[in-house]
Protein backbone atom coordinates (compact mmCIF):
# COMPACT_ATOMS: atom_id res chain seq x y z
CA MET A 1 3.67 -17.91 17.17
CA ALA A 2 4.42 -18.75 20.78
CA GLY A 3 5.80 -15.30 21.51
CA ASN A 4 2.97 -13.37 19.85
CA MET A 5 -0.23 -12.38 21.65
CA GLN A 6 -3.38 -13.75 19.99
CA LEU A 7 -6.87 -12.30 20.44
CA ASN A 8 -9.86 -14.50 19.65
CA PHE A 9 -12.70 -12.11 18.80
CA ASN A 10 -15.21 -14.94 18.81
CA ASN A 11 -14.86 -15.22 22.56
CA LEU A 12 -12.71 -12.39 23.90
CA GLU A 13 -12.14 -11.98 27.63
CA ILE A 14 -10.22 -8.71 27.45
CA ASN A 15 -9.84 -8.44 31.23
CA ASN A 16 -7.78 -11.64 31.28
CA LEU A 17 -5.27 -10.30 28.76
CA HIS A 18 -2.22 -8.28 29.73
CA PRO A 19 -0.43 -6.42 26.94
CA GLN A 20 3.35 -6.50 27.37
CA THR A 21 4.91 -4.63 24.45
CA GLU A 22 4.34 -0.98 23.48
CA PHE A 23 2.61 -2.12 20.29
CA GLU A 24 0.26 -4.48 22.15
CA LYS A 25 -0.65 -1.57 24.44
CA LYS A 26 -1.43 0.62 21.40
CA VAL A 27 -3.67 -2.12 19.96
CA PHE A 28 -5.51 -2.40 23.29
CA PHE A 29 -5.87 1.39 23.49
CA PHE A 30 -7.51 1.38 20.06
CA MET A 31 -9.81 -1.50 21.07
CA GLU A 32 -10.96 0.52 24.09
CA GLU A 33 -11.58 3.47 21.77
CA TRP A 34 -13.48 1.16 19.39
CA TRP A 35 -15.74 -0.23 22.13
CA SER A 36 -16.36 3.18 23.73
CA ASP A 37 -19.67 5.01 23.31
CA ALA A 38 -18.15 7.47 20.81
CA GLU A 39 -19.44 7.12 17.26
CA THR A 40 -16.09 8.09 15.70
CA VAL A 41 -12.39 7.30 16.03
CA LYS A 42 -9.40 9.51 15.20
CA VAL A 43 -7.21 8.52 12.25
CA GLN A 44 -3.88 9.98 11.13
CA THR A 45 -2.94 10.25 7.45
CA SER A 46 0.51 9.13 6.32
CA GLY A 47 1.66 12.48 4.95
CA SER A 48 3.11 10.92 1.80
CA THR A 49 1.45 13.56 -0.41
CA GLY A 50 1.41 16.48 2.01
CA ILE A 51 1.29 17.41 5.69
CA PRO A 52 -0.05 14.58 7.92
CA LYS A 53 -3.47 15.37 9.36
CA ILE A 54 -5.82 13.80 11.90
CA PHE A 55 -9.51 13.38 11.23
CA ASP A 56 -12.55 11.63 12.72
CA ILE A 57 -14.12 8.61 11.05
CA GLU A 58 -17.51 7.07 11.81
CA LYS A 59 -17.23 3.56 13.22
CA LYS A 60 -20.17 2.33 11.11
CA LYS A 61 -18.26 3.28 7.95
CA MET A 62 -15.22 1.32 9.16
CA VAL A 63 -17.53 -1.68 9.70
CA SER A 64 -18.74 -1.32 6.07
CA SER A 65 -15.14 -1.25 4.83
CA ALA A 66 -14.18 -4.28 6.92
CA THR A 67 -17.17 -6.25 5.62
CA MET A 68 -16.27 -5.45 1.98
CA THR A 69 -12.70 -6.72 2.36
CA CYS A 70 -13.69 -9.83 4.33
CA ASP A 71 -16.40 -10.70 1.79
CA PHE A 72 -14.08 -10.15 -1.20
CA LEU A 73 -11.45 -12.46 0.33
CA VAL A 74 -14.11 -14.91 1.64
CA LEU A 75 -12.78 -14.72 5.20
CA LYS A 76 -14.91 -16.56 7.73
CA GLU A 77 -15.39 -16.62 11.50
CA GLY A 78 -12.49 -18.31 13.27
CA ASP A 79 -9.93 -17.58 10.52
CA THR A 80 -6.57 -16.18 11.65
CA ALA A 81 -5.42 -12.65 10.87
CA LEU A 82 -2.05 -11.03 11.58
CA ILE A 83 -1.58 -7.34 12.37
CA CYS A 84 1.92 -5.97 11.74
CA LEU A 85 1.11 -2.37 10.69
CA PRO A 86 1.13 0.70 12.97
CA VAL A 87 -2.25 1.12 14.62
CA GLU A 88 -2.03 4.95 14.43
CA TYR A 89 -2.88 4.71 10.73
CA ILE A 90 -6.03 3.46 9.03
CA SER A 91 -4.19 0.37 7.72
CA GLY A 92 -3.48 -0.94 11.22
CA LYS A 93 -6.83 0.14 12.68
CA MET A 94 -8.72 -1.66 9.89
CA MET A 95 -6.91 -4.96 10.63
CA VAL A 96 -8.34 -4.79 14.15
CA VAL A 97 -11.82 -3.79 12.92
CA ARG A 98 -11.91 -6.62 10.33
CA SER A 99 -11.02 -9.07 13.11
CA VAL A 100 -13.79 -7.72 15.36
CA VAL A 101 -16.42 -7.66 12.59
CA ARG A 102 -15.65 -11.15 11.18
CA LYS A 103 -14.74 -12.67 14.60
CA LEU A 104 -11.23 -13.60 13.53
CA LYS A 105 -8.31 -14.68 15.69
CA LEU A 106 -5.87 -11.75 15.59
CA VAL A 107 -2.16 -12.37 16.07
CA ILE A 108 -0.21 -9.24 17.11
CA ALA A 109 3.27 -8.87 15.59
CA GLU A 110 5.47 -5.83 16.14
CA PRO A 111 5.50 -3.57 13.03
CA SER A 112 8.99 -3.89 11.56
CA VAL A 113 10.64 -4.52 8.21
CA LYS A 114 10.64 -8.27 9.08
CA PRO A 115 7.22 -8.78 10.69
CA LEU A 116 7.05 -12.55 10.04
CA LYS A 117 10.35 -13.30 11.81
CA GLU A 118 8.62 -15.01 14.77
CA ILE A 119 5.71 -16.47 12.76
CA ASN A 120 5.92 -20.22 12.07
CA THR A 121 2.31 -21.34 11.57
CA LYS A 122 -0.20 -20.56 8.83
CA VAL A 123 -2.26 -17.37 8.83
CA ASP A 124 -5.41 -16.82 6.74
CA PHE A 125 -5.06 -13.06 6.27
CA CYS A 126 -2.46 -10.32 6.61
CA ALA A 127 -1.80 -6.78 5.31
CA MET A 128 1.76 -5.58 4.75
CA THR A 129 3.75 -2.83 3.03
CA PRO A 130 5.91 -3.67 -0.01
CA LEU A 131 9.06 -3.28 2.11
CA GLN A 132 7.76 -5.77 4.68
CA VAL A 133 6.89 -8.25 1.91
CA GLU A 134 10.35 -7.92 0.37
CA ASN A 135 11.89 -8.82 3.73
CA SER A 136 9.49 -11.73 4.33
CA LEU A 137 9.77 -13.73 1.09
CA ASP A 138 10.91 -16.87 2.96
CA LYS A 139 7.70 -16.87 5.05
CA LEU A 140 5.07 -15.75 2.50
CA HIS A 141 3.90 -19.35 2.01
CA LEU A 142 2.43 -19.14 5.54
CA ILE A 143 -0.06 -16.41 4.53
CA LYS A 144 -3.09 -17.60 2.56
CA ASN A 145 -4.47 -14.13 1.68
CA LEU A 146 -2.02 -11.23 1.64
CA ILE A 147 -2.90 -7.65 0.74
CA ILE A 148 -0.10 -5.18 0.03
CA GLY A 149 -0.71 -1.46 0.54
CA GLY A 150 0.86 1.84 1.51
CA ALA A 151 2.83 2.08 -1.75
CA ALA A 152 2.75 0.59 -5.25
CA VAL A 153 4.07 -2.95 -5.66
CA SER A 154 7.19 -2.63 -7.83
CA GLU A 155 7.91 -4.84 -10.81
CA SER A 156 11.00 -6.24 -9.07
CA LEU A 157 8.90 -7.25 -6.02
CA LYS A 158 6.27 -8.88 -8.26
CA LYS A 159 9.08 -10.87 -9.89
CA MET A 160 10.44 -11.95 -6.48
CA ILE A 161 6.95 -13.09 -5.42
CA VAL A 162 6.36 -15.10 -8.62
CA GLU A 163 9.81 -16.74 -8.40
CA ASN A 164 9.23 -17.63 -4.75
CA GLY A 165 7.52 -20.95 -5.53
CA LEU A 166 4.38 -20.25 -3.50
CA PRO A 167 1.48 -22.73 -3.31
CA GLU A 168 -1.18 -22.07 -5.99
CA ASP A 169 -3.89 -21.53 -3.35
CA ASN A 170 -1.98 -18.57 -1.85
CA ARG A 171 -3.39 -15.24 -3.02
CA ILE A 172 -1.59 -11.91 -3.03
CA PHE A 173 -3.26 -8.59 -3.91
CA GLU A 174 -2.15 -5.00 -4.34
CA THR A 175 -4.62 -2.54 -2.79
CA TYR A 176 -5.90 0.81 -4.02
CA GLY A 177 -7.14 3.35 -1.52
CA MET A 178 -6.32 6.13 0.91
CA SER A 179 -7.13 7.16 4.47
CA GLU A 180 -10.40 8.79 3.32
CA THR A 181 -11.61 5.49 1.77
CA LEU A 182 -10.84 3.70 5.05
CA SER A 183 -7.94 1.69 3.73
CA HIS A 184 -8.89 0.46 0.23
CA ILE A 185 -11.76 0.37 -2.26
CA GLY A 186 -10.38 -2.27 -4.59
CA LEU A 187 -7.78 -4.97 -5.15
CA LYS A 188 -5.54 -6.14 -8.00
CA GLN A 189 -4.23 -9.69 -7.91
CA VAL A 190 -0.44 -10.09 -8.05
CA PHE A 191 -0.34 -13.89 -7.48
CA PRO A 192 -1.24 -16.47 -8.76
CA GLN A 193 -2.60 -14.28 -11.61
CA ALA A 194 -0.89 -10.97 -12.46
CA GLU A 195 -3.75 -8.56 -13.18
CA ASP A 196 -3.40 -5.16 -14.90
CA TYR A 197 -6.51 -3.58 -13.38
CA PHE A 198 -7.88 -2.88 -9.93
CA THR A 199 -11.35 -4.31 -9.29
CA VAL A 200 -13.46 -2.17 -6.96
CA PHE A 201 -15.82 -3.57 -4.34
CA ASP A 202 -19.60 -3.72 -4.70
CA SER A 203 -21.47 -0.44 -3.99
CA ILE A 204 -18.49 1.65 -5.15
CA GLU A 205 -18.83 3.81 -8.27
CA ILE A 206 -15.87 5.16 -10.23
CA SER A 207 -15.57 7.91 -12.85
CA LYS A 208 -13.04 10.48 -14.15
CA ASP A 209 -12.91 14.26 -13.96
CA GLU A 210 -11.92 16.55 -16.87
CA ARG A 211 -8.21 16.03 -16.02
CA GLY A 212 -8.55 12.24 -16.32
CA CYS A 213 -8.28 11.76 -12.53
CA LEU A 214 -10.27 9.15 -10.62
CA LYS A 215 -13.45 10.10 -8.75
CA ILE A 216 -14.81 7.68 -6.16
CA PHE A 217 -18.37 7.50 -4.89
CA ALA A 218 -18.43 5.12 -1.94
CA PRO A 219 -21.45 6.14 0.18
CA ASN A 220 -20.84 3.36 2.73
CA LEU A 221 -17.33 4.70 3.37
CA ASN A 222 -17.53 8.46 2.81
CA ASP A 223 -20.48 10.84 2.38
CA GLU A 224 -18.66 12.91 -0.24
CA VAL A 225 -17.58 12.06 -3.77
CA LEU A 226 -13.82 11.69 -3.35
CA GLN A 227 -11.74 13.49 -5.96
CA THR A 228 -8.27 11.97 -6.33
CA ASN A 229 -5.20 13.26 -8.15
CA ASP A 230 -4.64 9.82 -9.66
CA LEU A 231 -4.69 9.62 -13.44
CA VAL A 232 -6.49 6.45 -14.52
CA GLU A 233 -7.84 4.54 -17.47
CA ILE A 234 -11.35 3.21 -16.72
CA VAL A 235 -11.96 -0.20 -18.31
CA ASN A 236 -15.56 -0.71 -17.13
CA GLU A 237 -17.72 0.32 -14.17
CA LYS A 238 -15.78 -1.99 -11.82
CA GLN A 239 -12.20 -1.89 -13.15
CA PHE A 240 -9.51 0.73 -13.74
CA ARG A 241 -5.80 0.96 -14.47
CA PHE A 242 -3.66 3.40 -12.44
CA LEU A 243 -1.39 5.58 -14.64
CA GLY A 244 0.21 7.93 -12.10
CA ARG A 245 -0.43 10.89 -9.80
CA ILE A 246 -1.15 14.16 -11.59
CA ASP A 247 1.07 16.03 -9.10
CA HIS A 248 3.95 13.69 -9.99
CA VAL A 249 3.57 14.29 -13.73
CA ILE A 250 6.75 15.77 -15.20
CA ASN A 251 6.37 18.35 -17.98
CA SER A 252 9.56 18.20 -20.00
CA GLY A 253 9.74 20.24 -23.19
CA GLY A 254 5.93 20.19 -23.46
CA ALA A 255 5.70 16.37 -23.07
CA LYS A 256 3.84 14.90 -20.09
CA ILE A 257 5.72 12.05 -18.43
CA PHE A 258 4.20 9.67 -15.85
CA PRO A 259 7.11 8.76 -13.51
CA GLU A 260 5.35 5.74 -11.98
CA GLN A 261 5.19 4.00 -15.38
CA LEU A 262 8.88 4.64 -16.07
CA GLU A 263 9.78 3.44 -12.57
CA ALA A 264 7.91 0.18 -13.20
CA LEU A 265 9.89 -0.29 -16.41
CA VAL A 266 13.27 0.40 -14.78
CA LYS A 267 12.53 -1.82 -11.78
CA LYS A 268 12.02 -4.79 -14.09
CA GLU A 269 15.75 -4.51 -14.88
CA ILE A 270 17.38 -3.41 -11.61
CA PRO A 271 16.80 -4.47 -7.98
CA ASN A 272 17.34 -0.95 -6.52
CA GLU A 273 14.63 1.53 -5.59
CA ALA A 274 14.33 4.05 -8.43
CA VAL A 275 12.45 7.36 -8.61
CA PHE A 276 11.97 9.67 -11.61
CA LEU A 277 11.73 13.38 -10.83
CA GLY A 278 11.52 16.63 -12.77
CA ARG A 279 14.28 19.12 -11.98
CA GLU A 280 13.69 22.76 -12.93
CA ASP A 281 15.39 23.55 -16.25
CA ASP A 282 15.54 26.81 -18.24
CA THR A 283 15.22 25.08 -21.63
CA LEU A 284 12.88 22.14 -20.95
CA GLY A 285 10.87 23.54 -18.03
CA GLN A 286 11.62 20.30 -16.19
CA LYS A 287 14.54 18.00 -16.88
CA LEU A 288 13.88 14.27 -16.36
CA ILE A 289 16.25 12.79 -13.79
CA LEU A 290 16.45 9.32 -12.27
CA VAL A 291 17.38 8.86 -8.60
CA ILE A 292 18.63 5.40 -7.63
CA GLU A 293 19.04 4.13 -4.07
CA GLY A 294 22.45 2.59 -3.42
CA ALA A 295 26.10 2.98 -4.32
CA GLN A 296 27.08 4.27 -7.76
CA SER A 297 27.24 1.34 -10.18
CA GLU A 298 28.40 1.22 -13.79
CA ASP A 299 26.52 -2.07 -14.17
CA ILE A 300 23.22 -0.37 -13.25
CA ILE A 301 23.92 2.58 -15.56
CA LYS A 302 24.61 0.08 -18.39
CA LYS A 303 21.34 -1.80 -17.70
CA ILE A 304 19.38 1.46 -17.79
CA SER A 305 21.07 2.48 -21.06
CA GLU A 306 19.84 -0.79 -22.62
CA ILE A 307 16.17 -0.26 -21.65
CA GLN A 308 13.86 0.25 -24.63
CA PHE A 309 11.90 3.29 -23.52
CA GLU A 310 8.70 3.90 -25.51
CA LYS A 311 9.67 7.52 -26.24
CA SER A 312 13.13 9.09 -26.52
CA PHE A 313 12.19 11.75 -23.92
CA HIS A 314 11.47 8.96 -21.39
CA ARG A 315 15.20 8.33 -21.11
CA PRO A 316 16.62 10.17 -18.06
CA LYS A 317 18.87 13.14 -18.81
CA GLU A 318 20.78 12.48 -15.59
CA ILE A 319 21.15 9.56 -13.15
CA ILE A 320 21.85 10.32 -9.48
CA PHE A 321 22.78 7.69 -6.89
CA ILE A 322 21.76 8.37 -3.30
CA GLU A 323 22.47 6.32 -0.17
CA LYS A 324 18.90 6.35 1.12
CA ILE A 325 15.69 7.58 -0.48
CA PRO A 326 13.58 9.37 2.18
CA ARG A 327 10.34 7.70 3.25
CA THR A 328 7.33 8.63 5.34
CA PRO A 329 6.77 6.81 8.69
CA ASN A 330 4.68 4.10 7.01
CA GLY A 331 7.21 3.35 4.29
CA LYS A 332 6.03 5.40 1.29
CA ILE A 333 8.62 7.28 -0.75
CA SER A 334 8.56 10.99 0.08
CA ARG A 335 9.02 12.69 -3.29
CA ILE A 336 8.75 16.08 -1.57
CA GLU A 337 11.76 15.34 0.68
CA LEU A 338 13.69 13.70 -2.16
CA LYS A 339 13.22 16.74 -4.34
CA LYS A 340 14.56 18.96 -1.55
CA MET A 341 17.58 16.69 -1.10
CA ILE A 342 18.67 16.78 -4.72
């Protein structure tokens, strides 16, 4: 990690440090904002489900969130954390706040699709997007506790992680949350155990509305009860299974289809990114189509034809290959843009 700046929050002499890269300067700018007299900081949403917006968040709530994550992962003073996510978003800001709150040593790595390229020594804690993880498989053994957020962890990525031969004491989690919950409210283990349900942190209450969508009451993070558009199955007061977003649900011939579940099934069989969408149709209302990233391939079409879909109407009526599926700045698939493109 010779080329990466490291901040020791147990004994930080900020005046002696001189940020060199643009990203280091952004981290320092946020630290100045954090240590200012203001009680709030500005956070930008990703815009994956709508227009990006900026809102103010109370610092004390960010401290609560940081404490929950550090306690869940049993991080202790002096442990090493790595930031490789943009600090404009809550995900990057919270990596800094967790380091401040738990007095961690924070290594700064430029956000990129290969953030571990220059990392050669072990790190206790890191947060990454699925795309970053996919491009860092050869270095994952260096990270003791990895949380993956920003987008769902695909079945193909889970398979790559499991087949990677990681040490048993490495732990990898998928996160559930949003900007309004200050990063995440719960984790689901991907490795060494593959869990089906997210487990929420202490002091967080979950319930469903009449549509079957998740409601979150997290008074330490947000004063309001947060109403999501995520369809869930609640197992008990601390665990739930994510089914799909209600605004992604495709209504085809009167049948409701959850694209996220079909995408998980397809991605067990093919390595490409795959997205199910509903295209307007006079007969069905919406016709189920599958968009695949990459060059047209008869082999992929054959593999999809062999998938045992639970229902006949889960089989796509049309398969479209596209060079690049559009994404938001922090790596999430933009279904809105994709729909416009096709």
